[in-house]
Amino acid sequence: GEKKGKEGSFKLSYYNEYKSYLRPSVAAVIGRTMTTEILNKSNTNIPDTNGFEKMTIDNVKSEGQKKKGGKMNLKCPKGMRDYDPSQMAAREKVFEKVKKCFKKHGAVQIDTPVMELKEILTGKYGEDSKLIYELDDQGGELLALRYDLTVPFARYVAKNKIRNIKRYQIARVYRRDQPVMTKGRYREFYQCDIDFAGEYERMLPDAECIRIVCDILNSLNISQYTIKVNSRKILDGIFEVCGVPTHKFRPICSAVDKLDKECWEEVKREMVETKGLEADVADKIGEYVLKKGSADLIDELRSPAMLGSCTRACEGLDEMALLLEYCDLYNCGDKVSFDLSLARGLDYYTGSIFEAVLTSEESVGSIAGGGRYDELVGMFAPKGKSIPCVGVSVGIERLFAIMEKRMENTRTSTVDVLVASSQKDMLKHRMKLLQELWDADINAEAVYKANPKMLTQFQKAEEEGIPLVVIIGEQELNEGTVKIKDTSNREETTVKRNDMIKRIQDLLQRCGD
């Protein structure tokens, strides 16, 4: 700080020389301060290193206090939220049912990093690529937060040279989308994915994906839903027959994907004005994509006047007929609708695609979606060798939005036994009882006061839904017993201390049944 030179210049050179030794936030504040001083021709000396920390805190506090009348803004980032204990209890129940269903179908669990190399994610999502959260250079690596779990899974399969796997993954993903919190659309949210990678008999795993979605929704007592199915092969065949240039297949597919939110006139306008498609070609597409049905629609589309002359479309129609047949065998065909408006906007789909939507008044958009992506793994494999894949992702956040409205008085505590005492100076005896219960792997707790009132202890048990209360006092100590109270019916029984664990386990088993 004793260096001499032109006014202000020695300060800037000092800063540039030593800023690498400072925390980034400190260096940024000091840099701004130096620039301001030079512009104002200030003669203020550079503060020593003991002043850097204080300057940073003061600047940050002053900037944060410009809003909210001097108070720091404590809101969550846009499209993200906190969850209270009752909401977390409801979420855990949903996660447990989803995971149980995945395991029932023989899937194994994996996990992948929340960040991927940027090059892994880019070019895989079509127009949705703009929603990827990109990060600053991290020591020579360009990174991005994962947009979904499918592309990281494909990278995982290629990296580990896996030939065959049925996996599930439940994890957070991130999208720089416009959030609609009330409908479960966030920027940070969970996805629950199950995928089949490897050679399987045609359409068998595709049909099982649909059955899995039905199993999950039924387990959550959601009965009013439809699973729309289609095929990218059929859509590409429609575009080919209607005269869409090959290089415009994906952009036009992305426009068709908006038919669940917009009317045909709006979609057509995008095709013509934004995508550069001829109006008469768009009209021909409209004659197809507004159709829906089942096996009868497949027969209609096979006619020479429709798609019968297109080899790719006929291949997709054959697969669709097989998919509908297998869904009937899996007893979920009544929930399936062959819908030509379904397009799924992501670029990596190559065959069957499906999407579950609610048919009740609780409209939250798509609650599950997926499809076949036979070429994605080949994009990462060293020799470009493809591994056929198909999978489905459950939009768990949108299910939570529904379940939160339905679940009232959800128990947040996992405690099964509350240890209570009816007299003073029983703290150590309550602690001893807790130790015995914990050793027996029983969830137990006590009020954290030396001499709590009996009423306070009973109120805690009832308010938190704790099934049993174990009571100890002078009489119980002398007799070698404890009292066990059932909070649901307030019945109280006395048992020998040696029989306490077995008795509690029996009562808890009965409560669970």
Protein backbone atom coordinates (compact mmCIF):
# COMPACT_ATOMS: atom_id res chain seq x y z
CA GLY A 1 0.00 0.00 0.00
CA GLU A 2 3.08 2.27 0.21
CA LYS A 3 3.70 2.23 -3.53
CA LYS A 4 3.78 5.62 -5.27
CA GLY A 5 2.51 6.52 -8.70
CA LYS A 6 -0.15 8.41 -10.50
CA GLU A 7 -3.29 9.07 -8.54
CA GLY A 8 -5.38 5.90 -8.33
CA SER A 9 -3.23 3.83 -10.70
CA PHE A 10 -1.15 2.22 -7.91
CA LYS A 11 -4.39 1.08 -6.27
CA LEU A 12 -5.60 -0.67 -9.40
CA SER A 13 -2.25 -2.36 -10.02
CA TYR A 14 -2.16 -3.48 -6.38
CA TYR A 15 -5.63 -4.92 -6.77
CA ASN A 16 -4.83 -6.74 -10.04
CA GLU A 17 -1.68 -8.22 -8.52
CA TYR A 18 -3.29 -9.61 -5.39
CA LYS A 19 -6.96 -10.25 -6.32
CA SER A 20 -6.25 -13.96 -6.97
CA TYR A 21 -5.62 -14.35 -3.23
CA LEU A 22 -9.09 -13.02 -2.35
CA ARG A 23 -12.46 -14.71 -2.33
CA PRO A 24 -14.32 -13.88 -5.61
CA SER A 25 -17.05 -11.93 -3.78
CA VAL A 26 -14.41 -9.84 -1.95
CA ALA A 27 -12.43 -9.21 -5.12
CA ALA A 28 -15.57 -8.08 -6.98
CA VAL A 29 -16.48 -5.50 -4.34
CA ILE A 30 -12.89 -4.18 -4.08
CA GLY A 31 -12.71 -3.92 -7.87
CA ARG A 32 -15.88 -1.87 -8.03
CA THR A 33 -14.57 0.35 -5.22
CA MET A 34 -11.24 0.96 -7.03
CA THR A 35 -13.00 1.90 -10.27
CA THR A 36 -15.29 4.34 -8.46
CA GLU A 37 -12.38 5.96 -6.64
CA ILE A 38 -10.38 6.44 -9.83
CA LEU A 39 -13.35 7.97 -11.63
CA ASN A 40 -13.98 10.30 -8.69
CA LYS A 41 -10.24 11.09 -8.40
CA SER A 42 -10.35 10.03 -4.80
CA ASN A 43 -7.22 10.08 -2.63
CA THR A 44 -8.50 7.32 -0.32
CA ASN A 45 -5.79 4.83 0.56
CA ILE A 46 -6.20 1.16 -0.22
CA PRO A 47 -7.54 -0.64 2.84
CA ASP A 48 -5.39 -3.36 4.31
CA THR A 49 -6.49 -7.01 4.13
CA ASN A 50 -8.26 -6.73 7.47
CA GLY A 51 -10.64 -4.26 5.88
CA PHE A 52 -11.54 -6.40 2.86
CA GLU A 53 -13.94 -8.66 4.79
CA LYS A 54 -15.73 -5.73 6.43
CA MET A 55 -16.03 -3.86 3.14
CA THR A 56 -17.61 -6.89 1.49
CA ILE A 57 -20.15 -7.41 4.26
CA ASP A 58 -21.05 -3.69 4.37
CA ASN A 59 -21.52 -3.52 0.60
CA VAL A 60 -23.57 -6.71 0.43
CA LYS A 61 -25.76 -5.58 3.33
CA SER A 62 -26.31 -2.17 1.78
CA GLU A 63 -27.24 -3.68 -1.59
CA GLY A 64 -29.57 -6.24 0.01
CA GLN A 65 -31.29 -3.58 2.07
CA LYS A 66 -32.28 -1.50 -0.92
CA LYS A 67 -35.37 -3.70 -1.19
CA LYS A 68 -38.15 -4.52 1.22
CA GLY A 69 -37.66 -1.42 3.35
CA GLY A 70 -34.19 -2.34 4.55
CA LYS A 71 -34.93 -6.06 5.07
CA MET A 72 -33.15 -8.83 3.21
CA ASN A 73 -35.31 -10.55 0.57
CA LEU A 74 -35.82 -14.12 1.77
CA LYS A 75 -37.99 -15.44 -1.05
CA CYS A 76 -37.07 -18.61 -2.93
CA PRO A 77 -35.71 -18.24 -6.47
CA LYS A 78 -38.37 -18.04 -9.17
CA GLY A 79 -39.92 -21.43 -9.90
CA MET A 80 -38.54 -23.02 -6.71
CA ARG A 81 -40.08 -23.53 -3.28
CA ASP A 82 -39.68 -24.76 0.29
CA TYR A 83 -41.65 -27.67 1.74
CA ASP A 84 -42.98 -27.82 5.28
CA PRO A 85 -43.14 -31.05 7.34
CA SER A 86 -46.71 -31.92 6.29
CA GLN A 87 -45.87 -31.42 2.61
CA MET A 88 -42.72 -33.52 2.96
CA ALA A 89 -44.73 -36.30 4.65
CA ALA A 90 -47.14 -36.31 1.70
CA ARG A 91 -44.26 -36.31 -0.80
CA GLU A 92 -42.53 -39.20 0.94
CA LYS A 93 -45.70 -41.30 0.68
CA VAL A 94 -45.87 -40.65 -3.05
CA PHE A 95 -42.17 -41.44 -3.53
CA GLU A 96 -42.56 -44.71 -1.63
CA LYS A 97 -45.43 -45.83 -3.85
CA VAL A 98 -43.59 -44.88 -7.05
CA LYS A 99 -40.43 -46.67 -5.94
CA LYS A 100 -42.43 -49.74 -4.89
CA CYS A 101 -44.00 -49.89 -8.34
CA PHE A 102 -40.63 -49.60 -10.11
CA LYS A 103 -39.24 -52.42 -7.99
CA LYS A 104 -42.33 -54.54 -8.64
CA HIS A 105 -41.45 -54.42 -12.32
CA GLY A 106 -37.85 -55.53 -11.67
CA ALA A 107 -35.99 -52.24 -12.12
CA VAL A 108 -32.66 -51.48 -10.45
CA GLN A 109 -31.71 -48.01 -9.19
CA ILE A 110 -28.86 -45.79 -10.43
CA ASP A 111 -27.90 -42.15 -9.90
CA THR A 112 -26.08 -39.60 -12.05
CA PRO A 113 -24.59 -36.14 -11.31
CA VAL A 114 -26.88 -33.13 -11.15
CA MET A 115 -24.48 -31.44 -13.62
CA GLU A 116 -23.33 -32.72 -16.99
CA LEU A 117 -20.81 -31.45 -19.50
CA LYS A 118 -22.62 -28.90 -21.63
CA GLU A 119 -21.83 -30.80 -24.83
CA ILE A 120 -23.65 -33.87 -23.44
CA LEU A 121 -26.94 -31.96 -23.17
CA THR A 122 -26.89 -29.57 -26.12
CA GLY A 123 -28.51 -30.62 -29.38
CA LYS A 124 -30.74 -33.26 -27.76
CA TYR A 125 -33.88 -31.30 -26.89
CA GLY A 126 -34.77 -29.36 -30.04
CA GLU A 127 -36.36 -25.99 -29.32
CA ASP A 128 -36.34 -26.76 -25.58
CA SER A 129 -32.54 -26.49 -25.53
CA LYS A 130 -32.97 -22.81 -24.66
CA LEU A 131 -34.38 -23.93 -21.29
CA ILE A 132 -31.11 -25.56 -20.17
CA TYR A 133 -29.38 -23.88 -17.21
CA GLU A 134 -25.80 -23.27 -18.35
CA LEU A 135 -23.06 -22.65 -15.78
CA ASP A 136 -19.91 -20.54 -15.91
CA ASP A 137 -16.57 -22.10 -16.81
CA GLN A 138 -15.62 -24.38 -13.91
CA GLY A 139 -11.86 -24.78 -14.18
CA GLY A 140 -11.86 -25.60 -17.87
CA GLU A 141 -15.18 -27.50 -17.98
CA LEU A 142 -18.33 -26.04 -19.52
CA LEU A 143 -21.18 -27.47 -17.46
CA ALA A 144 -24.98 -27.35 -17.36
CA LEU A 145 -27.64 -28.53 -14.93
CA ARG A 146 -29.40 -31.64 -16.19
CA TYR A 147 -32.62 -30.92 -18.09
CA ASP A 148 -34.01 -34.43 -17.66
CA LEU A 149 -32.83 -37.89 -16.58
CA THR A 150 -32.97 -39.51 -20.03
CA VAL A 151 -29.91 -37.97 -21.69
CA PRO A 152 -27.70 -38.55 -18.58
CA PHE A 153 -28.93 -42.18 -18.58
CA ALA A 154 -27.96 -42.60 -22.23
CA ARG A 155 -24.53 -41.16 -21.44
CA TYR A 156 -24.27 -43.59 -18.48
CA VAL A 157 -25.14 -46.57 -20.71
CA ALA A 158 -22.57 -45.58 -23.34
CA LYS A 159 -19.84 -44.80 -20.78
CA ASN A 160 -20.23 -48.15 -19.00
CA LYS A 161 -20.76 -50.20 -22.20
CA ILE A 162 -24.04 -51.59 -20.85
CA ARG A 163 -25.89 -53.92 -23.22
CA ASN A 164 -29.02 -54.54 -21.19
CA ILE A 165 -30.56 -52.82 -18.14
CA LYS A 166 -33.94 -51.91 -16.69
CA ARG A 167 -33.28 -48.97 -14.40
CA TYR A 168 -35.15 -46.39 -12.38
CA GLN A 169 -33.99 -43.03 -11.06
CA ILE A 170 -35.72 -40.44 -8.88
CA ALA A 171 -33.91 -37.10 -8.86
CA ARG A 172 -34.17 -33.34 -9.37
CA VAL A 173 -33.91 -31.73 -12.80
CA TYR A 174 -33.76 -28.05 -13.81
CA ARG A 175 -35.48 -26.08 -16.57
CA ARG A 176 -35.40 -22.35 -17.20
CA ASP A 177 -39.10 -22.46 -18.02
CA GLN A 178 -41.91 -20.05 -17.16
CA PRO A 179 -43.21 -21.57 -13.91
CA VAL A 180 -46.87 -22.08 -13.00
CA MET A 181 -46.61 -23.08 -9.34
CA THR A 182 -50.29 -23.88 -8.85
CA LYS A 183 -50.15 -26.51 -11.58
CA GLY A 184 -46.90 -28.10 -10.44
CA ARG A 185 -44.70 -26.48 -13.10
CA TYR A 186 -41.40 -25.47 -11.52
CA ARG A 187 -37.84 -24.69 -12.53
CA GLU A 188 -36.49 -27.21 -10.03
CA PHE A 189 -38.48 -30.41 -9.75
CA TYR A 190 -38.29 -34.16 -9.33
CA GLN A 191 -38.66 -36.70 -12.11
CA CYS A 192 -39.28 -40.39 -11.56
CA ASP A 193 -37.96 -42.33 -14.56
CA ILE A 194 -37.91 -45.97 -15.55
CA ASP A 195 -36.15 -47.03 -18.75
CA PHE A 196 -35.42 -50.23 -20.65
CA ALA A 197 -32.11 -50.34 -22.54
CA GLY A 198 -31.19 -53.33 -24.70
CA GLU A 199 -32.64 -55.76 -27.22
CA TYR A 200 -36.19 -56.82 -26.31
CA GLU A 201 -39.09 -58.30 -28.24
CA ARG A 202 -40.75 -55.50 -30.22
CA MET A 203 -43.15 -53.28 -28.21
CA LEU A 204 -43.01 -55.42 -25.04
CA PRO A 205 -41.16 -52.82 -22.91
CA ASP A 206 -43.23 -50.03 -24.49
CA ALA A 207 -46.44 -51.69 -23.28
CA GLU A 208 -44.92 -52.29 -19.84
CA CYS A 209 -44.08 -48.57 -19.55
CA ILE A 210 -47.75 -47.80 -20.05
CA ARG A 211 -48.76 -50.44 -17.50
CA ILE A 212 -46.28 -48.92 -14.99
CA VAL A 213 -47.89 -45.49 -15.35
CA CYS A 214 -51.30 -47.07 -14.72
CA ASP A 215 -49.98 -48.89 -11.64
CA ILE A 216 -48.54 -45.69 -10.17
CA LEU A 217 -51.65 -43.58 -10.78
CA ASN A 218 -53.95 -46.31 -9.46
CA SER A 219 -51.84 -46.67 -6.31
CA LEU A 220 -52.34 -42.93 -5.70
CA ASN A 221 -56.12 -43.30 -6.15
CA ILE A 222 -56.06 -41.31 -9.36
CA SER A 223 -58.55 -43.02 -11.66
CA GLN A 224 -59.62 -40.36 -14.16
CA TYR A 225 -56.82 -40.25 -16.70
CA THR A 226 -56.00 -41.14 -20.29
CA ILE A 227 -52.70 -42.28 -21.75
CA LYS A 228 -52.31 -40.89 -25.26
CA VAL A 229 -50.05 -42.90 -27.59
CA ASN A 230 -48.58 -42.19 -31.01
CA SER A 231 -45.40 -42.86 -32.97
CA ARG A 232 -42.76 -40.58 -34.42
CA LYS A 233 -42.66 -42.96 -37.38
CA ILE A 234 -46.34 -42.29 -38.05
CA LEU A 235 -45.87 -38.53 -37.66
CA ASP A 236 -42.88 -38.53 -40.01
CA GLY A 237 -44.99 -40.53 -42.48
CA ILE A 238 -47.75 -37.92 -42.25
CA PHE A 239 -45.25 -35.12 -42.89
CA GLU A 240 -43.79 -37.02 -45.85
CA VAL A 241 -47.19 -37.71 -47.43
CA CYS A 242 -48.29 -34.09 -46.90
CA GLY A 243 -45.16 -32.71 -48.59
CA VAL A 244 -43.15 -31.34 -45.66
CA PRO A 245 -39.43 -30.99 -46.52
CA THR A 246 -37.34 -33.50 -44.54
CA HIS A 247 -35.30 -30.80 -42.79
CA LYS A 248 -38.52 -29.33 -41.37
CA PHE A 249 -39.85 -32.57 -39.83
CA ARG A 250 -38.63 -31.75 -36.30
CA PRO A 251 -39.68 -28.06 -36.29
CA ILE A 252 -43.16 -29.00 -37.55
CA CYS A 253 -43.32 -31.83 -35.00
CA SER A 254 -42.56 -29.27 -32.30
CA ALA A 255 -45.49 -27.15 -33.52
CA VAL A 256 -47.87 -30.14 -33.51
CA ASP A 257 -46.81 -30.82 -29.92
CA LYS A 258 -48.59 -27.60 -28.87
CA LEU A 259 -52.03 -28.87 -29.85
CA ASP A 260 -52.74 -29.88 -26.26
CA LYS A 261 -52.48 -26.19 -25.26
CA GLU A 262 -53.44 -24.28 -28.41
CA CYS A 263 -56.15 -24.55 -31.05
CA TRP A 264 -55.36 -25.78 -34.57
CA GLU A 265 -55.56 -22.25 -36.03
CA GLU A 266 -52.76 -21.06 -33.70
CA VAL A 267 -50.60 -24.11 -34.49
CA LYS A 268 -51.17 -23.68 -38.22
CA ARG A 269 -50.19 -19.99 -37.97
CA GLU A 270 -46.88 -21.02 -36.33
CA MET A 271 -46.24 -23.61 -39.05
CA VAL A 272 -46.81 -21.08 -41.83
CA GLU A 273 -45.53 -17.79 -40.40
CA THR A 274 -42.72 -19.01 -38.13
CA LYS A 275 -41.65 -22.35 -39.63
CA GLY A 276 -42.10 -21.26 -43.29
CA LEU A 277 -44.46 -24.07 -44.31
CA GLU A 278 -46.87 -23.69 -47.22
CA ALA A 279 -50.46 -23.10 -46.05
CA ASP A 280 -51.91 -25.94 -48.16
CA VAL A 281 -49.33 -28.36 -46.67
CA ALA A 282 -50.32 -27.26 -43.17
CA ASP A 283 -54.00 -27.87 -44.03
CA LYS A 284 -53.17 -31.43 -45.11
CA ILE A 285 -51.36 -32.04 -41.81
CA GLY A 286 -54.43 -30.77 -39.95
CA GLU A 287 -56.57 -33.45 -41.61
CA TYR A 288 -54.43 -36.07 -39.86
CA VAL A 289 -53.30 -34.70 -36.50
CA LEU A 290 -56.80 -33.92 -35.25
CA LYS A 291 -57.77 -37.62 -35.44
CA LYS A 292 -57.87 -39.97 -32.45
CA GLY A 293 -59.23 -43.45 -31.83
CA SER A 294 -57.95 -47.01 -31.41
CA ALA A 295 -57.50 -50.02 -33.70
CA ASP A 296 -60.13 -48.71 -36.10
CA LEU A 297 -58.05 -45.58 -36.74
CA ILE A 298 -55.04 -47.75 -37.54
CA ASP A 299 -57.07 -49.57 -40.23
CA GLU A 300 -58.21 -46.22 -41.65
CA LEU A 301 -54.67 -44.89 -41.87
CA ARG A 302 -53.42 -48.05 -43.61
CA SER A 303 -55.57 -47.33 -46.67
CA PRO A 304 -53.66 -46.27 -49.84
CA ALA A 305 -55.47 -42.95 -49.80
CA MET A 306 -54.00 -42.13 -46.38
CA LEU A 307 -50.61 -43.55 -45.29
CA GLY A 308 -50.61 -46.96 -46.98
CA SER A 309 -48.02 -45.91 -49.57
CA CYS A 310 -45.50 -44.70 -46.96
CA THR A 311 -43.18 -47.46 -45.74
CA ARG A 312 -42.11 -45.64 -42.58
CA ALA A 313 -45.68 -44.83 -41.58
CA CYS A 314 -46.79 -48.44 -42.17
CA GLU A 315 -43.99 -49.65 -39.90
CA GLY A 316 -45.21 -47.30 -37.20
CA LEU A 317 -48.82 -48.42 -37.68
CA ASP A 318 -47.82 -52.09 -37.32
CA GLU A 319 -46.01 -51.26 -34.06
CA MET A 320 -48.99 -49.25 -32.82
CA ALA A 321 -51.36 -52.15 -33.48
CA LEU A 322 -49.05 -54.43 -31.48
CA LEU A 323 -48.77 -51.88 -28.66
CA LEU A 324 -52.56 -51.57 -28.33
CA GLU A 325 -52.89 -55.37 -28.33
CA TYR A 326 -50.29 -55.74 -25.56
CA CYS A 327 -51.95 -52.99 -23.51
CA ASP A 328 -55.18 -54.99 -23.65
CA LEU A 329 -53.30 -58.05 -22.42
CA TYR A 330 -51.89 -55.99 -19.54
CA ASN A 331 -55.44 -54.88 -18.68
CA CYS A 332 -54.75 -51.20 -19.30
CA GLY A 333 -56.08 -50.86 -22.84
CA ASP A 334 -59.21 -49.02 -21.64
CA LYS A 335 -56.96 -46.13 -20.51
CA VAL A 336 -55.12 -45.84 -23.84
CA SER A 337 -56.07 -43.54 -26.73
CA PHE A 338 -54.31 -43.52 -30.12
CA ASP A 339 -54.00 -39.75 -30.63
CA LEU A 340 -52.28 -38.32 -33.72
CA SER A 341 -51.93 -34.88 -32.07
CA LEU A 342 -49.38 -36.28 -29.63
CA ALA A 343 -45.88 -35.33 -30.79
CA ARG A 344 -43.59 -34.92 -27.72
CA GLY A 345 -41.30 -31.98 -28.47
CA LEU A 346 -37.92 -33.55 -27.69
CA ASP A 347 -35.73 -34.43 -30.67
CA TYR A 348 -34.42 -37.77 -29.45
CA TYR A 349 -37.65 -39.80 -29.81
CA THR A 350 -37.59 -42.28 -32.71
CA GLY A 351 -40.68 -44.51 -32.32
CA SER A 352 -43.57 -44.94 -29.90
CA ILE A 353 -44.42 -41.94 -27.70
CA PHE A 354 -46.93 -41.69 -24.86
CA GLU A 355 -48.29 -39.13 -22.44
CA ALA A 356 -50.69 -39.39 -19.48
CA VAL A 357 -53.19 -36.59 -18.84
CA LEU A 358 -55.95 -36.19 -16.28
CA THR A 359 -59.54 -36.21 -17.47
CA SER A 360 -60.91 -34.82 -14.20
CA GLU A 361 -61.32 -31.16 -13.28
CA GLU A 362 -57.86 -31.18 -11.64
CA SER A 363 -56.12 -30.03 -14.82
CA VAL A 364 -52.36 -29.81 -14.33
CA GLY A 365 -51.22 -30.77 -17.82
CA SER A 366 -49.20 -33.88 -18.58
CA ILE A 367 -48.53 -36.08 -15.53
CA ALA A 368 -46.30 -38.64 -17.29
CA GLY A 369 -44.62 -38.96 -20.63
CA GLY A 370 -42.03 -40.91 -22.53
CA GLY A 371 -41.25 -42.94 -25.58
CA ARG A 372 -38.66 -44.81 -27.60
CA TYR A 373 -35.22 -43.31 -28.28
CA ASP A 374 -33.21 -45.95 -30.11
CA GLU A 375 -30.45 -43.65 -31.38
CA LEU A 376 -29.59 -41.56 -28.31
CA VAL A 377 -27.01 -43.92 -26.78
CA GLY A 378 -25.26 -44.11 -30.17
CA MET A 379 -24.58 -40.36 -29.98
CA PHE A 380 -22.27 -41.03 -27.02
CA ALA A 381 -20.88 -44.49 -27.84
CA PRO A 382 -17.26 -44.42 -29.16
CA LYS A 383 -18.15 -46.33 -32.33
CA GLY A 384 -21.65 -44.94 -32.59
CA LYS A 385 -23.24 -48.28 -31.73
CA SER A 386 -26.88 -47.78 -30.83
CA ILE A 387 -28.71 -49.46 -27.97
CA PRO A 388 -32.52 -49.57 -28.31
CA CYS A 389 -34.15 -47.71 -25.39
CA VAL A 390 -37.62 -46.86 -24.22
CA GLY A 391 -38.78 -45.25 -21.00
CA VAL A 392 -41.32 -43.14 -19.20
CA SER A 393 -41.02 -40.25 -16.76
CA VAL A 394 -43.64 -39.53 -14.11
CA GLY A 395 -44.18 -35.81 -13.48
CA ILE A 396 -44.20 -36.23 -9.75
CA GLU A 397 -44.48 -32.52 -8.91
CA ARG A 398 -47.78 -32.29 -10.75
CA LEU A 399 -49.01 -35.32 -8.82
CA PHE A 400 -47.93 -33.59 -5.60
CA ALA A 401 -50.03 -30.57 -6.58
CA ILE A 402 -53.04 -32.89 -6.69
CA MET A 403 -52.17 -34.91 -3.60
CA GLU A 404 -51.58 -31.82 -1.44
CA LYS A 405 -55.17 -30.73 -2.06
CA ARG A 406 -56.45 -34.17 -1.06
CA MET A 407 -54.26 -34.92 1.93
CA GLU A 408 -55.45 -33.28 5.12
CA ASN A 409 -54.14 -33.91 8.63
CA THR A 410 -51.13 -35.74 7.26
CA ARG A 411 -49.02 -37.11 10.09
CA THR A 412 -45.59 -35.51 9.97
CA SER A 413 -43.95 -37.33 12.88
CA THR A 414 -42.42 -40.79 12.51
CA VAL A 415 -42.35 -41.32 16.29
CA ASP A 416 -44.25 -44.43 17.44
CA VAL A 417 -43.75 -44.12 21.20
CA LEU A 418 -43.64 -41.10 23.49
CA VAL A 419 -41.92 -41.75 26.83
CA ALA A 420 -43.69 -39.78 29.59
CA SER A 421 -43.48 -39.45 33.36
CA SER A 422 -46.12 -38.46 35.86
CA GLN A 423 -43.82 -37.14 38.62
CA LYS A 424 -40.77 -34.95 39.05
CA ASP A 425 -37.13 -36.04 38.91
CA MET A 426 -37.81 -38.72 36.28
CA LEU A 427 -35.59 -37.34 33.52
CA LYS A 428 -32.88 -40.02 33.80
CA HIS A 429 -35.47 -42.81 34.02
CA ARG A 430 -37.13 -41.50 30.82
CA MET A 431 -33.71 -41.44 29.16
CA LYS A 432 -33.12 -45.05 30.17
CA LEU A 433 -36.45 -46.08 28.68
CA LEU A 434 -35.60 -44.23 25.45
CA GLN A 435 -32.31 -46.10 25.24
CA GLU A 436 -34.12 -49.45 25.54
CA LEU A 437 -36.63 -48.51 22.85
CA TRP A 438 -33.96 -47.21 20.47
CA ASP A 439 -31.91 -50.38 20.97
CA ALA A 440 -35.00 -52.33 19.92
CA ASP A 441 -35.23 -50.17 16.75
CA ILE A 442 -38.44 -48.47 17.89
CA ASN A 443 -38.99 -44.82 16.95
CA ALA A 444 -39.30 -43.06 20.30
CA GLU A 445 -39.10 -39.58 21.75
CA ALA A 446 -39.69 -37.68 25.00
CA VAL A 447 -40.46 -34.07 25.88
CA TYR A 448 -37.20 -32.17 26.25
CA LYS A 449 -37.85 -30.79 29.73
CA ALA A 450 -36.74 -32.05 33.13
CA ASN A 451 -40.21 -32.02 34.70
CA PRO A 452 -42.88 -31.65 32.00
CA LYS A 453 -46.55 -31.58 32.93
CA MET A 454 -48.47 -34.77 32.20
CA LEU A 455 -51.07 -32.86 30.20
CA THR A 456 -48.35 -31.34 28.02
CA GLN A 457 -46.97 -34.79 27.23
CA PHE A 458 -50.38 -36.24 26.32
CA GLN A 459 -51.16 -33.23 24.14
CA LYS A 460 -47.90 -33.71 22.23
CA ALA A 461 -48.77 -37.36 21.55
CA GLU A 462 -52.27 -36.52 20.30
CA GLU A 463 -51.28 -33.52 18.21
CA GLU A 464 -48.43 -35.37 16.47
CA GLY A 465 -50.38 -38.61 16.05
CA ILE A 466 -47.97 -40.68 18.15
CA PRO A 467 -49.74 -44.05 18.62
CA LEU A 468 -48.42 -45.06 22.05
CA VAL A 469 -47.32 -43.38 25.29
CA VAL A 470 -45.14 -45.28 27.77
CA ILE A 471 -45.55 -43.87 31.29
CA ILE A 472 -43.16 -44.34 34.19
CA GLY A 473 -43.38 -43.09 37.78
CA GLU A 474 -42.33 -44.02 41.32
CA GLN A 475 -44.88 -46.80 41.55
CA GLU A 476 -43.81 -48.32 38.22
CA LEU A 477 -40.16 -48.19 39.24
CA ASN A 478 -40.89 -49.99 42.52
CA GLU A 479 -43.03 -52.64 40.81
CA GLY A 480 -40.77 -53.12 37.76
CA THR A 481 -43.58 -52.16 35.37
CA VAL A 482 -44.60 -49.47 32.88
CA LYS A 483 -47.96 -48.21 31.70
CA ILE A 484 -48.73 -48.19 27.98
CA LYS A 485 -51.44 -45.85 26.74
CA ASP A 486 -53.07 -46.13 23.31
CA THR A 487 -53.70 -42.54 22.14
CA SER A 488 -56.43 -43.57 19.66
CA ASN A 489 -58.80 -45.02 22.30
CA ARG A 490 -57.00 -43.82 25.47
CA GLU A 491 -56.90 -47.36 26.87
CA GLU A 492 -54.13 -47.92 29.41
CA THR A 493 -52.48 -51.22 30.36
CA THR A 494 -49.71 -52.12 32.82
CA VAL A 495 -46.99 -54.54 31.72
CA LYS A 496 -43.78 -55.90 33.22
CA ARG A 497 -40.67 -53.94 32.23
CA ASN A 498 -39.15 -57.08 30.73
CA ASP A 499 -42.24 -57.54 28.51
CA MET A 500 -42.42 -53.88 27.42
CA ILE A 501 -40.62 -54.21 24.07
CA LYS A 502 -42.61 -57.24 22.92
CA ARG A 503 -45.89 -55.64 23.97
CA ILE A 504 -45.11 -52.38 22.14
CA GLN A 505 -44.10 -54.24 18.99
CA ASP A 506 -47.36 -56.18 19.03
CA LEU A 507 -49.41 -53.00 19.50
CA LEU A 508 -47.56 -51.20 16.72
CA GLN A 509 -48.08 -54.16 14.42
CA ARG A 510 -51.78 -54.01 15.19
CA CYS A 511 -51.81 -50.26 14.45
CA GLY A 512 -50.09 -50.87 11.12
CA ASP A 513 -52.60 -53.52 10.13
